[in-house]
């Protein structure tokens, strides 16, 4: 969550009208990005280690 804090602070300092959409976008991107990454790594592990035996 620290990256989203810095994005929020930077957007406020720049006088952006979209401070909160930027912050929410960073939070959602981080959450969904991690979920997708976990699924990809799990799929690769299954494909390489489990199915190849």
N, C-alpha and C. Protein backbone atom coordinates (compact mmCIF):
# COMPACT_ATOMS: atom_id res chain seq x y z
N UNK A 1 0.81 -1.20 0.00
CA UNK A 1 0.00 0.00 0.00
C UNK A 1 0.85 1.26 0.00
N UNK A 2 2.13 1.11 0.21
CA UNK A 2 2.97 2.30 0.28
C UNK A 2 3.08 2.98 -1.09
N UNK A 3 3.05 2.20 -2.16
CA UNK A 3 3.14 2.81 -3.48
C UNK A 3 1.89 3.66 -3.74
N UNK A 4 0.74 3.15 -3.36
CA UNK A 4 -0.48 3.92 -3.58
C UNK A 4 -0.48 5.20 -2.74
N UNK A 5 0.13 5.15 -1.56
CA UNK A 5 0.26 6.37 -0.73
C UNK A 5 1.10 7.41 -1.47
N UNK A 6 2.21 6.98 -2.06
CA UNK A 6 3.08 7.92 -2.77
C UNK A 6 2.40 8.46 -4.02
N UNK A 7 1.62 7.63 -4.70
CA UNK A 7 0.88 8.10 -5.87
C UNK A 7 -0.14 9.15 -5.45
N UNK A 8 -0.85 8.89 -4.33
CA UNK A 8 -1.83 9.85 -3.82
C UNK A 8 -1.17 11.17 -3.46
N UNK A 9 -0.06 11.08 -2.75
CA UNK A 9 0.66 12.30 -2.32
C UNK A 9 1.16 13.08 -3.53
N UNK A 10 1.69 12.37 -4.53
CA UNK A 10 2.21 13.03 -5.72
C UNK A 10 1.08 13.70 -6.51
N UNK A 11 -0.05 13.01 -6.62
CA UNK A 11 -1.18 13.59 -7.34
C UNK A 11 -1.70 14.84 -6.64
N UNK A 12 -1.72 14.82 -5.31
CA UNK A 12 -2.15 16.01 -4.56
C UNK A 12 -1.17 17.15 -4.77
N UNK A 13 0.13 16.85 -4.73
CA UNK A 13 1.14 17.88 -4.91
C UNK A 13 1.08 18.50 -6.30
N UNK A 14 0.70 17.73 -7.29
CA UNK A 14 0.61 18.24 -8.65
C UNK A 14 -0.72 18.93 -8.92
N UNK A 15 -1.64 18.88 -7.97
CA UNK A 15 -2.93 19.54 -8.14
C UNK A 15 -3.87 18.79 -9.06
N UNK A 16 -3.73 17.49 -9.12
CA UNK A 16 -4.57 16.68 -10.00
C UNK A 16 -6.02 16.67 -9.50
N UNK A 17 -6.93 16.62 -10.45
CA UNK A 17 -8.35 16.49 -10.13
C UNK A 17 -8.74 15.03 -9.89
N UNK A 18 -7.81 14.12 -10.14
CA UNK A 18 -8.11 12.69 -10.09
C UNK A 18 -7.24 11.98 -9.05
N UNK A 19 -7.15 12.54 -7.87
CA UNK A 19 -6.30 11.97 -6.82
C UNK A 19 -6.81 10.60 -6.41
N UNK A 20 -8.07 10.52 -6.08
CA UNK A 20 -8.61 9.26 -5.56
C UNK A 20 -8.76 8.18 -6.63
N UNK A 21 -9.13 8.50 -7.86
CA UNK A 21 -9.12 7.44 -8.88
C UNK A 21 -7.72 6.86 -9.11
N UNK A 22 -6.68 7.71 -9.09
CA UNK A 22 -5.32 7.20 -9.22
C UNK A 22 -4.98 6.26 -8.07
N UNK A 23 -5.36 6.65 -6.86
CA UNK A 23 -5.05 5.84 -5.69
C UNK A 23 -5.79 4.51 -5.73
N UNK A 24 -7.08 4.55 -6.03
CA UNK A 24 -7.85 3.31 -6.11
C UNK A 24 -7.33 2.42 -7.24
N UNK A 25 -6.96 3.02 -8.35
CA UNK A 25 -6.40 2.25 -9.46
C UNK A 25 -5.11 1.55 -9.08
N UNK A 26 -4.27 2.21 -8.31
CA UNK A 26 -3.03 1.58 -7.85
C UNK A 26 -3.31 0.43 -6.90
N UNK A 27 -4.26 0.61 -6.00
CA UNK A 27 -4.59 -0.46 -5.05
C UNK A 27 -5.16 -1.66 -5.80
N UNK A 28 -6.13 -1.42 -6.69
CA UNK A 28 -6.73 -2.52 -7.43
C UNK A 28 -5.73 -3.20 -8.36
N UNK A 29 -4.88 -2.40 -8.99
CA UNK A 29 -3.85 -2.98 -9.85
C UNK A 29 -2.89 -3.86 -9.08
N UNK A 30 -2.54 -3.44 -7.88
CA UNK A 30 -1.65 -4.25 -7.06
C UNK A 30 -2.29 -5.55 -6.62
N UNK A 31 -3.55 -5.48 -6.22
CA UNK A 31 -4.25 -6.68 -5.76
C UNK A 31 -4.45 -7.66 -6.91
N UNK A 32 -5.01 -7.18 -8.01
CA UNK A 32 -5.28 -8.08 -9.13
C UNK A 32 -3.99 -8.52 -9.82
N UNK A 33 -3.00 -7.67 -9.84
CA UNK A 33 -1.71 -8.07 -10.40
C UNK A 33 -1.08 -9.20 -9.62
N UNK A 34 -1.19 -9.15 -8.31
CA UNK A 34 -0.65 -10.23 -7.48
C UNK A 34 -1.43 -11.52 -7.68
N UNK A 35 -2.73 -11.43 -7.78
CA UNK A 35 -3.55 -12.63 -8.00
C UNK A 35 -3.19 -13.28 -9.33
N UNK A 36 -3.08 -12.47 -10.38
CA UNK A 36 -2.73 -13.01 -11.70
C UNK A 36 -1.33 -13.63 -11.66
N UNK A 37 -0.40 -12.97 -10.99
CA UNK A 37 0.95 -13.51 -10.88
C UNK A 37 0.99 -14.84 -10.15
N UNK A 38 0.23 -14.94 -9.07
CA UNK A 38 0.17 -16.20 -8.32
C UNK A 38 -0.42 -17.31 -9.20
N UNK A 39 -1.47 -17.00 -9.94
CA UNK A 39 -2.07 -18.00 -10.82
C UNK A 39 -1.11 -18.43 -11.92
N UNK A 40 -0.37 -17.48 -12.48
CA UNK A 40 0.60 -17.83 -13.53
C UNK A 40 1.71 -18.72 -12.99
N UNK A 41 2.25 -18.37 -11.84
CA UNK A 41 3.33 -19.18 -11.26
C UNK A 41 2.81 -20.56 -10.89
N UNK A 42 1.61 -20.62 -10.32
CA UNK A 42 1.02 -21.92 -10.00
C UNK A 42 0.79 -22.76 -11.24
N UNK A 43 0.32 -22.14 -12.30
CA UNK A 43 0.11 -22.87 -13.56
C UNK A 43 1.41 -23.38 -14.15
N UNK A 44 2.43 -22.56 -14.11
CA UNK A 44 3.74 -23.00 -14.61
C UNK A 44 4.30 -24.14 -13.77
N UNK A 45 4.17 -24.03 -12.47
CA UNK A 45 4.65 -25.09 -11.58
C UNK A 45 3.92 -26.40 -11.89
N UNK A 46 2.60 -26.31 -12.03
CA UNK A 46 1.82 -27.51 -12.33
C UNK A 46 2.23 -28.11 -13.67
N UNK A 47 2.39 -27.26 -14.68
CA UNK A 47 2.74 -27.73 -16.01
C UNK A 47 4.12 -28.36 -16.05
N UNK A 48 5.09 -27.74 -15.39
CA UNK A 48 6.47 -28.20 -15.48
C UNK A 48 6.75 -29.35 -14.50
N UNK A 49 6.33 -29.21 -13.26
CA UNK A 49 6.70 -30.19 -12.24
C UNK A 49 5.73 -31.35 -12.11
N UNK A 50 4.45 -31.07 -12.15
CA UNK A 50 3.47 -32.12 -11.86
C UNK A 50 3.15 -32.94 -13.10
N UNK A 51 2.88 -32.29 -14.21
CA UNK A 51 2.47 -33.03 -15.41
C UNK A 51 3.63 -33.72 -16.11
N UNK A 52 4.82 -33.24 -15.93
CA UNK A 52 5.95 -33.83 -16.66
C UNK A 52 6.43 -35.15 -16.04
N UNK A 53 5.91 -35.50 -14.89
CA UNK A 53 6.34 -36.75 -14.23
C UNK A 53 5.64 -37.93 -14.79
